[in-house]
Amino acid sequence: MSIRKIFSGGSGLDADSIIKDARKELKAPARRLFGKRILTLGGLAMLSGCDLTSDKSVNAMLRKMSSFNDDAQALLFDPNKLAPTYPESMITRPFPFNAFYDIDEVPEVDASTYRLQVGGLARGKRVWTLEELRALPQESQVTRHICIEGWSAIGKWGGVRFADFLARSGADTTAKYVAFRCADNYFTSIDMPTALHAQTLLTLTYDGQVLPPKYGFPMKLRMPTKLGYKNPKHIIAITVTNEYPGGYWENQGYNWFGGS
């Protein structure tokens, strides 16, 4: 099956024509949400049911479209706009477990020997213990987690505002990206405006208790402005950089910006 035929209706439209039409469609405010959801390499792959690697030119076109979608979402993102919050009575119980592995494969991290490493463009404190992180000012939020698979759940997360943590680590907040490496071999990265958003939280607790392993112990980055796959768990290293870091799912075709 040809992806090019699916999107051109067999009329032979080339990649540039498709990109041009996509740009025109995204100008309509009512269609922006559709554009955010479906103009991604991963989304197009699911719609087509085709092997993207079988046609280099189509693959390149889709990656170009995904890159355009990242740019469009970044322009639409308002760093001062807060995501909705909810009363504790609306918390989803139990909050779902979700990962790229089964629950019996959740990594075990020793709290006594755990060290969070901060690297890249940061001139402040580069090694943090859990005790040091817990001694920082803490806050909590009840927000909705939105999964790209189509479900959502509301949870209560507590921890350190990430912008404050970056400041204490001497991070260069003019840098483009913040990257994360995790104990479960997951990795991802986010844009700096999202990193500095008031609701982006380096979480250490869930529902008032120490963050359970299944939810990301010893810490999870919680961002209600991003889709679930952008919220890394079991974080062991953070890097501030100007070089595009990619991500586990992003490198397989998921949209990088991942806004919810």
Protein backbone atom coordinates (compact mmCIF):
# COMPACT_ATOMS: atom_id res chain seq x y z
CA MET A 1 0.00 0.00 0.00
CA SER A 2 1.34 3.45 -0.87
CA ILE A 3 1.05 6.27 1.69
CA ARG A 4 1.44 8.72 -1.17
CA LYS A 5 -1.70 7.31 -2.84
CA ILE A 6 -3.66 7.45 0.41
CA PHE A 7 -2.99 11.14 0.88
CA SER A 8 -3.19 12.16 -2.78
CA GLY A 9 -6.12 10.02 -3.81
CA GLY A 10 -3.95 8.60 -6.59
CA SER A 11 -3.51 11.99 -8.24
CA GLY A 12 0.28 11.95 -7.92
CA LEU A 13 0.64 14.91 -5.58
CA ASP A 14 4.19 15.20 -4.30
CA ALA A 15 5.39 15.74 -0.73
CA ASP A 16 5.73 19.51 -1.11
CA SER A 17 2.09 19.79 -2.23
CA ILE A 18 0.92 17.84 0.80
CA ILE A 19 2.98 20.01 3.14
CA LYS A 20 1.57 23.14 1.48
CA ASP A 21 -1.99 21.90 1.97
CA ALA A 22 -1.25 21.00 5.60
CA ARG A 23 0.04 24.50 6.29
CA LYS A 24 -3.13 25.99 4.75
CA GLU A 25 -5.37 23.77 6.87
CA LEU A 26 -3.58 24.66 10.11
CA LYS A 27 -4.35 28.34 9.54
CA ALA A 28 -7.98 27.63 10.47
CA PRO A 29 -8.30 27.80 14.30
CA ALA A 30 -11.00 25.13 14.34
CA ARG A 31 -8.63 22.69 12.68
CA ARG A 32 -5.58 23.36 14.85
CA LEU A 33 -6.40 20.62 17.33
CA PHE A 34 -6.78 18.15 14.47
CA GLY A 35 -3.42 19.27 13.16
CA LYS A 36 -1.79 18.82 16.54
CA ARG A 37 -3.15 15.30 16.83
CA ILE A 38 -2.70 13.86 13.36
CA LEU A 39 0.04 15.75 11.49
CA THR A 40 2.68 13.58 13.08
CA LEU A 41 4.77 10.78 11.69
CA GLY A 42 3.40 8.34 14.26
CA GLY A 43 -0.19 9.40 13.60
CA LEU A 44 0.13 9.09 9.84
CA ALA A 45 1.76 5.70 10.21
CA MET A 46 -1.19 4.44 12.27
CA LEU A 47 -3.70 5.80 9.75
CA SER A 48 -1.96 4.29 6.75
CA GLY A 49 -0.98 0.92 8.20
CA CYS A 50 2.12 1.04 6.02
CA ASP A 51 5.81 0.50 6.61
CA LEU A 52 7.33 3.98 6.58
CA THR A 53 10.82 2.63 5.99
CA SER A 54 9.88 1.06 2.64
CA ASP A 55 9.88 4.38 0.81
CA LYS A 56 12.67 6.81 1.65
CA SER A 57 11.05 9.75 -0.11
CA VAL A 58 7.74 9.27 1.73
CA ASN A 59 9.58 8.79 5.01
CA ALA A 60 11.46 12.04 4.47
CA MET A 61 8.19 13.81 3.63
CA LEU A 62 6.54 12.58 6.81
CA ARG A 63 9.48 13.63 8.93
CA LYS A 64 9.35 17.05 7.34
CA MET A 65 5.65 17.25 8.20
CA SER A 66 6.36 16.14 11.77
CA SER A 67 9.02 18.83 12.08
CA PHE A 68 6.56 21.41 10.78
CA ASN A 69 4.01 20.20 13.35
CA ASP A 70 6.57 20.68 16.12
CA ASP A 71 7.12 24.26 14.98
CA ALA A 72 3.38 24.92 14.77
CA GLN A 73 2.74 23.55 18.27
CA ALA A 74 5.62 25.58 19.69
CA LEU A 75 4.11 28.75 18.20
CA LEU A 76 0.69 27.91 19.67
CA PHE A 77 2.09 27.05 23.11
CA ASP A 78 1.45 29.77 25.70
CA PRO A 79 3.98 29.46 28.56
CA ASN A 80 1.69 31.55 30.79
CA LYS A 81 -1.49 29.52 30.23
CA LEU A 82 -2.25 26.97 32.94
CA ALA A 83 -3.72 23.53 32.32
CA PRO A 84 -6.99 22.76 34.17
CA THR A 85 -6.79 21.57 37.77
CA TYR A 86 -9.35 19.43 39.59
CA PRO A 87 -10.66 18.71 43.10
CA GLU A 88 -9.23 15.65 44.85
CA SER A 89 -12.67 14.04 44.64
CA MET A 90 -12.06 13.60 40.90
CA ILE A 91 -8.79 11.65 41.24
CA THR A 92 -8.84 8.44 39.19
CA ARG A 93 -8.49 5.46 41.53
CA PRO A 94 -6.52 3.45 40.89
CA PHE A 95 -4.42 5.65 38.65
CA PRO A 96 -3.43 3.50 35.61
CA PHE A 97 0.04 2.07 35.17
CA ASN A 98 1.46 2.73 31.73
CA ALA A 99 4.91 2.06 30.25
CA PHE A 100 6.62 0.38 27.30
CA TYR A 101 7.00 -2.76 29.47
CA ASP A 102 4.85 -4.80 31.87
CA ILE A 103 4.35 -3.82 35.50
CA ASP A 104 6.54 -6.70 36.73
CA GLU A 105 9.46 -5.09 34.87
CA VAL A 106 9.33 -1.78 36.78
CA PRO A 107 12.92 -0.92 37.81
CA GLU A 108 13.97 -1.03 41.45
CA VAL A 109 15.92 2.08 42.45
CA ASP A 110 17.78 2.18 45.79
CA ALA A 111 16.86 5.44 47.51
CA SER A 112 19.97 5.39 49.70
CA THR A 113 22.40 5.32 46.79
CA TYR A 114 20.32 7.29 44.28
CA ARG A 115 21.96 10.35 42.73
CA LEU A 116 20.38 12.68 40.19
CA GLN A 117 22.98 13.91 37.71
CA VAL A 118 22.64 17.33 36.05
CA GLY A 119 24.77 17.90 32.96
CA GLY A 120 25.25 20.09 29.94
CA LEU A 121 24.68 23.83 30.17
CA ALA A 122 24.41 24.06 33.96
CA ARG A 123 26.94 25.74 36.25
CA GLY A 124 25.39 25.05 39.63
CA LYS A 125 24.82 21.93 41.70
CA ARG A 126 25.23 18.88 39.48
CA VAL A 127 24.59 15.96 41.83
CA TRP A 128 21.45 15.70 43.97
CA THR A 129 20.38 13.15 46.57
CA LEU A 130 16.74 12.40 47.30
CA GLU A 131 17.09 14.05 50.72
CA GLU A 132 18.32 17.26 49.10
CA LEU A 133 15.45 17.26 46.62
CA ARG A 134 12.88 16.65 49.35
CA ALA A 135 14.33 19.57 51.34
CA LEU A 136 13.47 22.01 48.53
CA PRO A 137 10.14 23.92 48.56
CA GLN A 138 7.37 21.51 47.55
CA GLU A 139 3.99 22.04 45.92
CA SER A 140 1.24 19.81 44.56
CA GLN A 141 -1.24 19.75 41.71
CA VAL A 142 -4.26 17.68 40.69
CA THR A 143 -4.12 17.50 36.92
CA ARG A 144 -5.13 15.28 34.04
CA HIS A 145 -2.69 12.88 32.37
CA ILE A 146 -3.58 12.47 28.68
CA CYS A 147 -2.23 9.39 26.90
CA ILE A 148 -1.68 9.26 23.14
CA GLU A 149 -3.46 5.89 23.22
CA GLY A 150 -6.74 7.71 23.82
CA TRP A 151 -7.34 7.49 27.58
CA SER A 152 -6.85 10.01 30.37
CA ALA A 153 -6.72 9.96 34.18
CA ILE A 154 -6.59 12.55 36.96
CA GLY A 155 -3.89 12.31 39.63
CA LYS A 156 -2.35 14.29 42.47
CA TRP A 157 1.37 14.93 42.09
CA GLY A 158 3.73 16.64 44.52
CA GLY A 159 7.29 17.85 44.21
CA VAL A 160 9.61 20.66 43.18
CA ARG A 161 8.66 23.21 40.54
CA PHE A 162 11.04 22.33 37.72
CA ALA A 163 11.86 25.96 36.94
CA ASP A 164 13.07 26.38 40.53
CA PHE A 165 15.14 23.21 40.30
CA LEU A 166 16.78 24.42 37.07
CA ALA A 167 17.59 27.76 38.72
CA ARG A 168 19.19 26.01 41.70
CA SER A 169 21.20 23.87 39.30
CA GLY A 170 22.50 26.94 37.49
CA ALA A 171 20.89 25.88 34.21
CA ASP A 172 21.15 28.12 31.17
CA THR A 173 17.46 28.81 30.60
CA THR A 174 18.19 30.34 27.19
CA ALA A 175 19.13 26.85 25.96
CA LYS A 176 16.72 25.09 23.60
CA TYR A 177 16.25 21.70 25.23
CA VAL A 178 16.20 19.72 28.46
CA ALA A 179 16.85 15.99 28.06
CA PHE A 180 16.10 13.14 30.48
CA ARG A 181 17.61 9.70 30.95
CA CYS A 182 15.79 7.16 33.09
CA ALA A 183 16.51 4.00 35.09
CA ASP A 184 14.19 1.98 32.84
CA ASN A 185 16.28 2.96 29.76
CA TYR A 186 13.64 5.44 28.64
CA PHE A 187 14.76 8.83 27.40
CA THR A 188 13.03 11.93 26.12
CA SER A 189 13.48 15.69 25.85
CA ILE A 190 11.40 18.87 26.05
CA ASP A 191 11.58 22.49 24.97
CA MET A 192 12.80 25.07 27.48
CA PRO A 193 9.53 27.09 27.58
CA THR A 194 7.72 23.94 28.76
CA ALA A 195 10.48 23.21 31.25
CA LEU A 196 9.91 26.66 32.77
CA HIS A 197 6.10 26.40 32.78
CA ALA A 198 4.60 26.97 36.24
CA GLN A 199 2.95 23.52 36.29
CA THR A 200 5.98 21.52 35.20
CA LEU A 201 6.85 19.58 38.33
CA LEU A 202 9.73 17.29 39.32
CA THR A 203 7.45 15.00 41.28
CA LEU A 204 8.51 13.04 44.35
CA THR A 205 5.07 12.05 45.69
CA TYR A 206 1.76 10.73 44.42
CA ASP A 207 -1.48 11.38 46.33
CA GLY A 208 0.49 12.57 49.37
CA GLN A 209 2.74 9.50 49.59
CA VAL A 210 6.27 8.75 48.37
CA LEU A 211 6.06 8.20 44.62
CA PRO A 212 5.41 4.46 44.09
CA PRO A 213 7.76 2.54 41.76
CA LYS A 214 4.95 1.90 39.26
CA TYR A 215 4.45 5.66 38.91
CA GLY A 216 8.13 6.50 38.55
CA PHE A 217 10.09 6.32 41.83
CA PRO A 218 12.28 8.10 42.71
CA MET A 219 10.94 10.90 40.51
CA LYS A 220 8.82 11.68 37.49
CA LEU A 221 8.57 14.85 35.46
CA ARG A 222 4.91 15.83 35.45
CA MET A 223 3.74 18.18 32.68
CA PRO A 224 -0.02 18.60 32.24
CA THR A 225 0.71 20.56 29.06
CA LYS A 226 2.26 17.49 27.40
CA LEU A 227 1.00 14.07 26.33
CA GLY A 228 1.87 11.16 28.60
CA TYR A 229 4.88 9.82 26.69
CA LYS A 230 6.65 13.16 27.26
CA ASN A 231 6.46 12.70 31.07
CA PRO A 232 9.52 10.57 31.95
CA LYS A 233 9.68 8.35 35.05
CA HIS A 234 12.59 6.98 37.14
CA ILE A 235 14.75 9.97 36.13
CA ILE A 236 18.47 9.56 36.81
CA ALA A 237 20.01 12.29 34.62
CA ILE A 238 18.99 15.68 33.28
CA THR A 239 20.92 17.52 30.55
CA VAL A 240 20.47 21.12 29.40
CA THR A 241 21.54 21.45 25.78
CA ASN A 242 21.21 23.29 22.48
CA GLU A 243 21.61 20.07 20.49
CA TYR A 244 18.43 18.17 19.61
CA PRO A 245 18.32 15.11 21.93
CA GLY A 246 15.37 13.17 20.46
CA GLY A 247 13.59 10.56 22.55
CA TYR A 248 12.64 6.89 22.82
CA TRP A 249 9.28 7.21 21.06
CA GLU A 250 10.15 10.37 19.17
CA ASN A 251 12.98 8.57 17.38
CA GLN A 252 10.41 5.99 16.26
CA GLY A 253 8.10 8.59 14.72
CA TYR A 254 6.09 10.18 17.53
CA ASN A 255 5.74 13.95 17.40
CA TRP A 256 8.55 15.55 19.43
CA PHE A 257 6.70 18.54 20.89
CA GLY A 258 3.89 16.32 22.16
CA GLY A 259 1.56 19.02 23.43
CA SER A 260 -1.73 17.96 25.00
